[in-house]
Each structure stands twice: as C-alpha cells, then as structure tokens.
C-alpha atoms as a PDB file:
ATOM      1  CA  MET A   1     -36.897 -12.412   1.780  1.00  0.00           C
ATOM      2  CA  ALA A   2     -38.343 -15.831   2.995  1.00  0.00           C
ATOM      3  CA  VAL A   3     -39.433 -14.027   6.115  1.00  0.00           C
ATOM      4  CA  ALA A   4     -41.380 -11.345   4.238  1.00  0.00           C
ATOM      5  CA  LEU A   5     -42.822 -13.768   1.902  1.00  0.00           C
ATOM      6  CA  ARG A   6     -44.013 -16.418   4.251  1.00  0.00           C
ATOM      7  CA  THR A   7     -45.174 -14.648   7.064  1.00  0.00           C
ATOM      8  CA  SER A   8     -47.096 -11.556   7.863  1.00  0.00           C
ATOM      9  CA  ASN A   9     -44.919 -10.122  10.639  1.00  0.00           C
ATOM     10  CA  PRO A  10     -43.651 -12.711  13.237  1.00  0.00           C
ATOM     11  CA  ALA A  11     -41.932  -9.759  14.873  1.00  0.00           C
ATOM     12  CA  LEU A  12     -44.951  -8.083  15.938  1.00  0.00           C
ATOM     13  CA  ARG A  13     -46.618 -10.587  18.181  1.00  0.00           C
ATOM     14  CA  SER A  14     -49.286  -9.398  20.619  1.00  0.00           C
ATOM     15  CA  ASP A  15     -46.948  -9.521  23.468  1.00  0.00           C
ATOM     16  CA  ALA A  16     -43.885  -8.175  21.783  1.00  0.00           C
ATOM     17  CA  PHE A  17     -44.027  -4.864  23.861  1.00  0.00           C
ATOM     18  CA  ALA A  18     -45.983  -6.180  26.722  1.00  0.00           C
ATOM     19  CA  ARG A  19     -42.832  -8.431  27.678  1.00  0.00           C
ATOM     20  CA  GLN A  20     -40.574  -5.301  27.908  1.00  0.00           C
ATOM     21  CA  PRO A  21     -39.785  -3.916  31.213  1.00  0.00           C
ATOM     22  CA  ARG A  22     -40.858  -0.397  31.684  1.00  0.00           C
ATOM     23  CA  ALA A  23     -38.408   2.437  30.852  1.00  0.00           C
ATOM     24  CA  PHE A  24     -37.993   5.794  32.483  1.00  0.00           C
ATOM     25  CA  GLY A  25     -36.694   9.291  31.475  1.00  0.00           C
ATOM     26  CA  ALA A  26     -35.309   9.739  28.067  1.00  0.00           C
ATOM     27  CA  GLU A  27     -34.604   6.222  27.251  1.00  0.00           C
ATOM     28  CA  VAL A  28     -38.239   5.214  26.264  1.00  0.00           C
ATOM     29  CA  MET A  29     -39.271   4.206  22.715  1.00  0.00           C
ATOM     30  CA  THR A  30     -41.060   6.722  20.715  1.00  0.00           C
ATOM     31  CA  VAL A  31     -42.970   6.691  17.549  1.00  0.00           C
ATOM     32  CA  GLN A  32     -40.821   9.247  16.072  1.00  0.00           C
ATOM     33  CA  GLY A  33     -37.702   7.600  17.177  1.00  0.00           C
ATOM     34  CA  THR A  34     -38.985   4.202  15.436  1.00  0.00           C
ATOM     35  CA  ALA A  35     -39.923   6.216  11.998  1.00  0.00           C
ATOM     36  CA  THR A  36     -36.574   7.484  12.020  1.00  0.00           C
ATOM     37  CA  LYS A  37     -34.922   4.033  12.593  1.00  0.00           C
ATOM     38  CA  ALA A  38     -37.128   2.711   9.960  1.00  0.00           C
ATOM     39  CA  LEU A  39     -35.921   5.065   7.677  1.00  0.00           C
ATOM     40  CA  VAL A  40     -32.224   4.139   8.226  1.00  0.00           C
ATOM     41  CA  LEU A  41     -33.298   0.527   7.778  1.00  0.00           C
ATOM     42  CA  LEU A  42     -34.888   1.184   4.430  1.00  0.00           C
ATOM     43  CA  LEU A  43     -31.769   3.134   3.068  1.00  0.00           C
ATOM     44  CA  LEU A  44     -29.306   0.325   4.151  1.00  0.00           C
ATOM     45  CA  ALA A  45     -31.547  -1.944   2.219  1.00  0.00           C
ATOM     46  CA  LEU A  46     -31.358   0.345  -0.749  1.00  0.00           C
ATOM     47  CA  VAL A  47     -27.736   0.711  -0.583  1.00  0.00           C
ATOM     48  CA  THR A  48     -27.143  -3.141  -0.740  1.00  0.00           C
ATOM     49  CA  ALA A  49     -29.922  -3.610  -3.214  1.00  0.00           C
ATOM     50  CA  SER A  50     -28.378  -1.155  -5.483  1.00  0.00           C
ATOM     51  CA  TYR A  51     -25.077  -3.316  -5.485  1.00  0.00           C
ATOM     52  CA  THR A  52     -26.824  -6.647  -6.504  1.00  0.00           C
ATOM     53  CA  TRP A  53     -29.024  -4.633  -9.136  1.00  0.00           C
ATOM     54  CA  ARG A  54     -25.717  -3.079 -10.760  1.00  0.00           C
ATOM     55  CA  GLU A  55     -23.995  -6.442 -10.636  1.00  0.00           C
ATOM     56  CA  ILE A  56     -26.472  -7.543 -12.940  1.00  0.00           C
ATOM     57  CA  PHE A  57     -26.923  -4.707 -15.446  1.00  0.00           C
ATOM     58  CA  VAL A  58     -23.394  -3.467 -15.355  1.00  0.00           C
ATOM     59  CA  GLY A  59     -21.059  -6.164 -13.724  1.00  0.00           C
ATOM     60  CA  GLY A  60     -22.226  -9.262 -15.770  1.00  0.00           C
ATOM     61  CA  GLY A  61     -24.215 -10.760 -12.901  1.00  0.00           C
ATOM     62  CA  GLN A  62     -21.490 -13.643 -12.070  1.00  0.00           C
ATOM     63  CA  TYR A  63     -21.744 -12.940  -8.310  1.00  0.00           C
ATOM     64  CA  VAL A  64     -25.488 -12.084  -8.006  1.00  0.00           C
ATOM     65  CA  GLY A  65     -26.693 -15.825  -7.550  1.00  0.00           C
ATOM     66  CA  PRO A  66     -24.044 -16.059  -4.199  1.00  0.00           C
ATOM     67  CA  LEU A  67     -24.913 -12.792  -3.230  1.00  0.00           C
ATOM     68  CA  MET A  68     -28.726 -13.212  -3.304  1.00  0.00           C
ATOM     69  CA  MET A  69     -28.257 -16.498  -1.467  1.00  0.00           C
ATOM     70  CA  VAL A  70     -26.288 -14.957   1.301  1.00  0.00           C
ATOM     71  CA  GLY A  71     -28.810 -12.061   1.602  1.00  0.00           C
ATOM     72  CA  THR A  72     -31.519 -14.501   1.794  1.00  0.00           C
ATOM     73  CA  ILE A  73     -30.070 -16.800   4.371  1.00  0.00           C
ATOM     74  CA  GLY A  74     -28.510 -14.219   6.511  1.00  0.00           C
ATOM     75  CA  GLY A  75     -31.504 -12.079   6.358  1.00  0.00           C
ATOM     76  CA  LEU A  76     -33.609 -15.239   7.676  1.00  0.00           C
ATOM     77  CA  ILE A  77     -31.087 -16.019  10.404  1.00  0.00           C
ATOM     78  CA  LEU A  78     -30.856 -12.182  11.720  1.00  0.00           C
ATOM     79  CA  ALA A  79     -34.820 -11.840  11.447  1.00  0.00           C
ATOM     80  CA  VAL A  80     -35.111 -14.914  13.800  1.00  0.00           C
ATOM     81  CA  ILE A  81     -32.400 -13.647  16.179  1.00  0.00           C
ATOM     82  CA  THR A  82     -34.198 -10.388  16.500  1.00  0.00           C
ATOM     83  CA  VAL A  83     -37.296 -11.822  16.731  1.00  0.00           C
ATOM     84  CA  PHE A  84     -36.301 -13.985  20.008  1.00  0.00           C
ATOM     85  CA  LYS A  85     -33.646 -11.211  21.259  1.00  0.00           C
ATOM     86  CA  GLN A  86     -35.277  -8.121  20.963  1.00  0.00           C
ATOM     87  CA  ALA A  87     -32.639  -6.425  23.110  1.00  0.00           C
ATOM     88  CA  TRP A  88     -30.151  -7.486  20.280  1.00  0.00           C
ATOM     89  CA  SER A  89     -32.306  -5.323  17.696  1.00  0.00           C
ATOM     90  CA  PRO A  90     -29.888  -2.284  17.608  1.00  0.00           C
ATOM     91  CA  VAL A  91     -27.328  -4.521  15.730  1.00  0.00           C
ATOM     92  CA  THR A  92     -29.238  -7.383  14.143  1.00  0.00           C
ATOM     93  CA  ALA A  93     -32.135  -4.918  12.811  1.00  0.00           C
ATOM     94  CA  PRO A  94     -29.484  -2.944  10.460  1.00  0.00           C
ATOM     95  CA  LEU A  95     -27.727  -6.237   9.568  1.00  0.00           C
ATOM     96  CA  TYR A  96     -30.977  -7.814   8.739  1.00  0.00           C
ATOM     97  CA  ALA A  97     -31.638  -4.769   6.244  1.00  0.00           C
ATOM     98  CA  ALA A  98     -28.278  -4.873   4.641  1.00  0.00           C
ATOM     99  CA  PHE A  99     -28.714  -8.600   4.130  1.00  0.00           C
ATOM    100  CA  GLU A 100     -32.498  -8.326   2.831  1.00  0.00           C
ATOM    101  CA  GLY A 101     -31.149  -5.492   0.276  1.00  0.00           C
ATOM    102  CA  LEU A 102     -28.862  -7.777  -1.584  1.00  0.00           C
ATOM    103  CA  ALA A 103     -31.847 -10.621  -2.269  1.00  0.00           C
ATOM    104  CA  LEU A 104     -34.247  -7.547  -2.854  1.00  0.00           C
ATOM    105  CA  GLY A 105     -31.694  -6.158  -5.448  1.00  0.00           C
ATOM    106  CA  GLY A 106     -31.372  -9.368  -7.389  1.00  0.00           C
ATOM    107  CA  ILE A 107     -34.970 -10.105  -7.320  1.00  0.00           C
ATOM    108  CA  SER A 108     -35.840  -6.735  -8.734  1.00  0.00           C
ATOM    109  CA  ALA A 109     -33.130  -6.727 -11.384  1.00  0.00           C
ATOM    110  CA  TYR A 110     -34.603 -10.181 -12.715  1.00  0.00           C
ATOM    111  CA  PHE A 111     -38.104  -8.825 -12.836  1.00  0.00           C
ATOM    112  CA  GLU A 112     -36.865  -5.291 -14.235  1.00  0.00           C
ATOM    113  CA  SER A 113     -34.924  -7.384 -16.853  1.00  0.00           C
ATOM    114  CA  ARG A 114     -38.245  -8.961 -18.266  1.00  0.00           C
ATOM    115  CA  PHE A 115     -40.585  -6.152 -17.447  1.00  0.00           C
ATOM    116  CA  PRO A 116     -38.657  -2.613 -18.017  1.00  0.00           C
ATOM    117  CA  GLY A 117     -39.933  -0.155 -15.352  1.00  0.00           C
ATOM    118  CA  ILE A 118     -41.570  -2.546 -13.223  1.00  0.00           C
ATOM    119  CA  ALA A 119     -39.245  -2.155 -10.139  1.00  0.00           C
ATOM    120  CA  ILE A 120     -40.008   1.756  -9.776  1.00  0.00           C
ATOM    121  CA  GLN A 121     -43.713   1.053 -10.253  1.00  0.00           C
ATOM    122  CA  ALA A 122     -43.654  -1.483  -7.448  1.00  0.00           C
ATOM    123  CA  VAL A 123     -41.764   0.904  -5.049  1.00  0.00           C
ATOM    124  CA  GLY A 124     -44.051   3.770  -6.043  1.00  0.00           C
ATOM    125  CA  LEU A 125     -47.111   1.541  -5.332  1.00  0.00           C
ATOM    126  CA  THR A 126     -45.512   0.151  -1.905  1.00  0.00           C
ATOM    127  CA  LEU A 127     -44.905   3.819  -0.668  1.00  0.00           C
ATOM    128  CA  ALA A 128     -48.434   5.065  -1.837  1.00  0.00           C
ATOM    129  CA  VAL A 129     -50.007   2.025   0.267  1.00  0.00           C
ATOM    130  CA  PHE A 130     -47.878   2.818   3.016  1.00  0.00           C
ATOM    131  CA  VAL A 131     -48.814   6.638   3.105  1.00  0.00           C
ATOM    132  CA  ALA A 132     -52.574   5.783   2.416  1.00  0.00           C
ATOM    133  CA  LEU A 133     -52.718   3.308   5.338  1.00  0.00           C
ATOM    134  CA  LEU A 134     -50.950   5.519   7.526  1.00  0.00           C
ATOM    135  CA  LEU A 135     -53.338   8.299   6.810  1.00  0.00           C
ATOM    136  CA  ALA A 136     -56.400   6.068   7.474  1.00  0.00           C
ATOM    137  CA  TYR A 137     -55.067   5.003  10.595  1.00  0.00           C
ATOM    138  CA  LYS A 138     -54.073   8.180  12.221  1.00  0.00           C
ATOM    139  CA  THR A 139     -57.674   9.675  11.014  1.00  0.00           C
ATOM    140  CA  GLY A 140     -59.267   6.461  12.438  1.00  0.00           C
ATOM    141  CA  THR A 141     -60.910   5.617   9.077  1.00  0.00           C
ATOM    142  CA  ILE A 142     -59.415   2.120   9.651  1.00  0.00           C
ATOM    143  CA  GLN A 143     -59.077   1.223  13.312  1.00  0.00           C
ATOM    144  CA  ALA A 144     -57.123  -1.729  14.870  1.00  0.00           C
ATOM    145  CA  THR A 145     -60.028  -3.436  16.889  1.00  0.00           C
ATOM    146  CA  ASP A 146     -59.992  -6.808  18.174  1.00  0.00           C
ATOM    147  CA  ARG A 147     -62.076  -8.059  15.718  1.00  0.00           C
ATOM    148  CA  PHE A 148     -59.964  -6.476  12.941  1.00  0.00           C
ATOM    149  CA  LYS A 149     -56.794  -7.614  14.194  1.00  0.00           C
ATOM    150  CA  ARG A 150     -58.145 -11.415  14.355  1.00  0.00           C
ATOM    151  CA  GLY A 151     -59.466 -11.034  10.986  1.00  0.00           C
ATOM    152  CA  ILE A 152     -55.899 -10.006   9.499  1.00  0.00           C
ATOM    153  CA  ILE A 153     -53.891 -12.457  11.377  1.00  0.00           C
ATOM    154  CA  ALA A 154     -56.183 -15.408  10.435  1.00  0.00           C
ATOM    155  CA  ALA A 155     -55.869 -14.307   6.660  1.00  0.00           C
ATOM    156  CA  THR A 156     -52.241 -14.012   7.018  1.00  0.00           C
ATOM    157  CA  GLY A 157     -51.852 -17.646   8.785  1.00  0.00           C
ATOM    158  CA  GLY A 158     -53.903 -18.964   5.983  1.00  0.00           C
ATOM    159  CA  VAL A 159     -51.533 -17.420   3.528  1.00  0.00           C
ATOM    160  CA  MET A 160     -48.665 -18.825   5.540  1.00  0.00           C
ATOM    161  CA  ILE A 161     -49.680 -22.270   5.371  1.00  0.00           C
ATOM    162  CA  LEU A 162     -50.498 -21.805   1.713  1.00  0.00           C
ATOM    163  CA  TYR A 163     -46.838 -20.963   1.194  1.00  0.00           C
ATOM    164  CA  VAL A 164     -45.475 -23.478   3.279  1.00  0.00           C
ATOM    165  CA  VAL A 165     -47.557 -26.240   1.720  1.00  0.00           C
ATOM    166  CA  GLU A 166     -46.527 -25.044  -1.850  1.00  0.00           C
ATOM    167  CA  MET A 167     -42.793 -25.236  -1.034  1.00  0.00           C
ATOM    168  CA  VAL A 168     -43.105 -28.657   0.390  1.00  0.00           C
ATOM    169  CA  LEU A 169     -44.918 -29.893  -2.627  1.00  0.00           C
ATOM    170  CA  SER A 170     -42.554 -28.264  -5.022  1.00  0.00           C
ATOM    171  CA  PHE A 171     -39.747 -30.385  -3.531  1.00  0.00           C
ATOM    172  CA  PHE A 172     -41.768 -33.195  -5.195  1.00  0.00           C
ATOM    173  CA  GLY A 173     -42.314 -31.344  -8.658  1.00  0.00           C
ATOM    174  CA  ILE A 174     -45.759 -30.632  -7.588  1.00  0.00           C
ATOM    175  CA  HIS A 175     -47.173 -27.002  -7.984  1.00  0.00           C
ATOM    176  CA  ILE A 176     -50.563 -25.493  -7.040  1.00  0.00           C
ATOM    177  CA  PRO A 177     -52.315 -24.779 -10.224  1.00  0.00           C
ATOM    178  CA  TYR A 178     -53.395 -21.271 -11.569  1.00  0.00           C
ATOM    179  CA  ILE A 179     -52.215 -19.026  -8.522  1.00  0.00           C
ATOM    180  CA  HIS A 180     -48.844 -18.244 -10.297  1.00  0.00           C
ATOM    181  CA  GLU A 181     -50.368 -17.815 -13.738  1.00  0.00           C
ATOM    182  CA  SER A 182     -51.121 -14.674 -15.411  1.00  0.00           C
ATOM    183  CA  GLY A 183     -54.884 -15.436 -15.819  1.00  0.00           C
ATOM    184  CA  LEU A 184     -57.640 -13.975 -13.678  1.00  0.00           C
ATOM    185  CA  ILE A 185     -57.132 -16.594 -10.901  1.00  0.00           C
ATOM    186  CA  GLY A 186     -53.683 -15.747 -10.752  1.00  0.00           C
ATOM    187  CA  ILE A 187     -53.954 -12.144 -10.664  1.00  0.00           C
ATOM    188  CA  GLY A 188     -57.039 -12.294  -8.197  1.00  0.00           C
ATOM    189  CA  PHE A 189     -54.702 -14.336  -5.920  1.00  0.00           C
ATOM    190  CA  SER A 190     -52.089 -12.021  -5.921  1.00  0.00           C
ATOM    191  CA  ALA A 191     -54.511  -8.910  -5.379  1.00  0.00           C
ATOM    192  CA  VAL A 192     -55.706 -10.664  -2.141  1.00  0.00           C
ATOM    193  CA  ILE A 193     -52.395 -11.430  -0.934  1.00  0.00           C
ATOM    194  CA  CYS A 194     -51.511  -7.526  -1.764  1.00  0.00           C
ATOM    195  CA  VAL A 195     -54.522  -6.499   0.292  1.00  0.00           C
ATOM    196  CA  VAL A 196     -53.507  -8.776   3.090  1.00  0.00           C
ATOM    197  CA  ALA A 197     -49.970  -7.761   3.206  1.00  0.00           C
ATOM    198  CA  ALA A 198     -50.963  -4.233   3.506  1.00  0.00           C
ATOM    199  CA  LEU A 199     -53.268  -4.522   5.879  1.00  0.00           C
ATOM    200  CA  ASN A 200     -50.640  -5.918   8.179  1.00  0.00           C
ATOM    201  CA  LEU A 201     -49.393  -2.163   8.107  1.00  0.00           C
ATOM    202  CA  ILE A 202     -52.244  -1.217  10.352  1.00  0.00           C
ATOM    203  CA  LEU A 203     -51.353  -3.993  13.173  1.00  0.00           C
ATOM    204  CA  ASP A 204     -47.821  -2.827  12.707  1.00  0.00           C
ATOM    205  CA  PHE A 205     -48.842   1.035  13.541  1.00  0.00           C
ATOM    206  CA  ASP A 206     -50.921   0.031  16.255  1.00  0.00           C
ATOM    207  CA  LEU A 207     -48.525  -2.072  18.111  1.00  0.00           C
ATOM    208  CA  ILE A 208     -45.591   0.536  17.781  1.00  0.00           C
ATOM    209  CA  GLU A 209     -47.879   2.989  19.302  1.00  0.00           C
ATOM    210  CA  GLN A 210     -48.683   0.457  21.997  1.00  0.00           C
ATOM    211  CA  GLY A 211     -44.978  -0.104  22.471  1.00  0.00           C
ATOM    212  CA  ALA A 212     -44.369   3.882  22.888  1.00  0.00           C
ATOM    213  CA  ARG A 213     -47.567   4.422  25.172  1.00  0.00           C
ATOM    214  CA  ARG A 214     -46.249   1.834  27.408  1.00  0.00           C
ATOM    215  CA  GLY A 215     -42.777   3.318  27.923  1.00  0.00           C
ATOM    216  CA  ALA A 216     -40.848   0.175  26.211  1.00  0.00           C
ATOM    217  CA  PRO A 217     -36.970   0.550  26.337  1.00  0.00           C
ATOM    218  CA  LYS A 218     -35.282   2.656  23.529  1.00  0.00           C
ATOM    219  CA  HIS A 219     -34.019  -0.325  21.783  1.00  0.00           C
ATOM    220  CA  MET A 220     -37.346  -1.487  20.897  1.00  0.00           C
ATOM    221  CA  GLU A 221     -37.539   1.415  18.386  1.00  0.00           C
ATOM    222  CA  TRP A 222     -34.911  -0.747  16.404  1.00  0.00           C
ATOM    223  CA  TYR A 223     -37.405  -3.553  16.839  1.00  0.00           C
ATOM    224  CA  GLY A 224     -40.451  -1.716  15.925  1.00  0.00           C
ATOM    225  CA  ALA A 225     -38.445  -0.384  12.919  1.00  0.00           C
ATOM    226  CA  PHE A 226     -37.445  -4.052  11.899  1.00  0.00           C
ATOM    227  CA  ALA A 227     -40.910  -5.267  12.127  1.00  0.00           C
ATOM    228  CA  LEU A 228     -42.444  -2.617   9.988  1.00  0.00           C
ATOM    229  CA  MET A 229     -39.688  -3.332   7.368  1.00  0.00           C
ATOM    230  CA  VAL A 230     -40.694  -6.947   7.171  1.00  0.00           C
ATOM    231  CA  THR A 231     -44.210  -5.946   6.223  1.00  0.00           C
ATOM    232  CA  LEU A 232     -43.055  -3.664   3.745  1.00  0.00           C
ATOM    233  CA  VAL A 233     -40.606  -5.975   1.959  1.00  0.00           C
ATOM    234  CA  TRP A 234     -43.330  -8.629   1.869  1.00  0.00           C
ATOM    235  CA  LEU A 235     -45.737  -6.197   0.645  1.00  0.00           C
ATOM    236  CA  TYR A 236     -43.150  -4.771  -2.211  1.00  0.00           C
ATOM    237  CA  LEU A 237     -42.344  -8.413  -3.213  1.00  0.00           C
ATOM    238  CA  GLU A 238     -46.289  -9.271  -3.442  1.00  0.00           C
ATOM    239  CA  LEU A 239     -46.691  -6.128  -5.636  1.00  0.00           C
ATOM    240  CA  LEU A 240     -43.903  -7.112  -7.956  1.00  0.00           C
ATOM    241  CA  ARG A 241     -45.492 -10.420  -8.711  1.00  0.00           C
ATOM    242  CA  LEU A 242     -49.018  -8.854  -9.197  1.00  0.00           C
ATOM    243  CA  LEU A 243     -47.510  -6.350 -11.613  1.00  0.00           C
ATOM    244  CA  ALA A 244     -45.653  -9.335 -13.300  1.00  0.00           C
ATOM    245  CA  LYS A 245     -48.793 -11.108 -14.013  1.00  0.00           C
ATOM    246  CA  LEU A 246     -50.699  -8.067 -15.205  1.00  0.00           C
ATOM    247  CA  ARG A 247     -47.552  -7.196 -17.577  1.00  0.00           C
ATOM    248  CA  GLN A 248     -47.699 -10.693 -19.125  1.00  0.00           C
ATOM    249  CA  ASN A 249     -51.370 -10.082 -20.286  1.00  0.00           C
ATOM    250  CA  ASP A 250     -50.507  -6.770 -22.076  1.00  0.00           C
END
C-alpha cells in the first residue's frame, strides 16, 4: 500500500527494460503476455482482499489489524525487491499482489463501513479510467511524448515529496491543513492527485510496449504487470479518498 500511495510507479523507470538483455525466439516479452499476468495479479489481490474484507464484516475484525500490517510491510518489501531484482518478478510479483490485497481489503472495508457502496464505486471508477486511458493511448489521442513524460514525472515527484513531508510532520503531531478535509481545497487536492495517478497509466502502457518492441526477456512480463498494478492500486486508493470527501459533503 505504501508504495502505491507514496510514489507514482518506481518499477517503471526509463531504463527498466533498456538494461535487459535482448531475448530471442519464443522467450520474449509480449504485450498480451503482460496483460494476462496483470490479470493474474489483480485476481490474487482480489482473493486476499476478500479475506480481510470478510474478517471485518463477518469475522469480527480482531485479526484485520495484524493482517493489514503484514500486507503493508510485506508488500513494500516485495515491491522493493522486485524493482531491484527484476528477474525474480515471476515469484515476487504474485507475492506482492497477495500481500497488497490483505491491506487493500482492510482499507476498503473501513471506508465501506463509513460510506456504504463506496468500495464498488471506487473499483468501477478505477476500471473506467483504465479503459478510457488505454483507448486514448491506443488511438493516439494521448501520446507519451518526451514532454508529456517529463511533466507527469515532475508532477508525481511533487506528490511524492508532499506525502513524505506530511508523513515526517505527522510524527511531531503536525498535519498539513485542508488537504485531507472535505472542503473545496481538500476535494480539489484529491482530484488533482487522481489525475496525476491516472496519467501515470500512459507511462506504464508506453514502457510496456517498449519492452515488447525491444524483445525483453519473458520474465519482464511479470515485471511489467507488477508495475501496472502499482499504479492501479495508487489510483484506486486516491479515488477512494476522493469519493469519501465527496460523500462527507452530502
């Protein structure tokens, strides 16, 4: 969870695929193979998320806190390992998805208990944004030009710095005013973050295609799927927070 909230997508660095040796024959990365593996990761996350979700609404919730902590810390560790050991991604990426699901299920259930129906709304919006941006990318409506990439990376870096500063200040009991409130400033802030998170999908699509064009090794399909999931999780969490702010004003 922390990876998704604090960064855009550390997995998809500009040299992620360029540093890979070129593969030959059938053992090369493909866009279709990456899409299939991304679906596998999402299903794994859904399975573990459903467990912590059920624990809150059916099992009393006594184990949810420890499970979320395990999911958050385990997901962060596995994400870091995957970024630096890309060849391990066929193992670490599925494990990351499973751990991440434990945290997401608990977070989603918490918001759902306060705002009934919000989880399915956030899921639906995440899927809608994903499909819309994929179509925009495929049709050339939005192109991943160098200028576009620099702008999104700069915006994402700004978000990352703000979140880190906020986290450090929170240790001293200091909180940045307005941005987490349900007023116009808080809603506007969340909306901007959601846009930045969504546009990171364009960078993901572009770099996955680059990997396929360059004939990256087959294991990079898992790495590309992992990278795409990191952005989707971040987008989902930001949409969840935006919807919560909007519901508070109802």
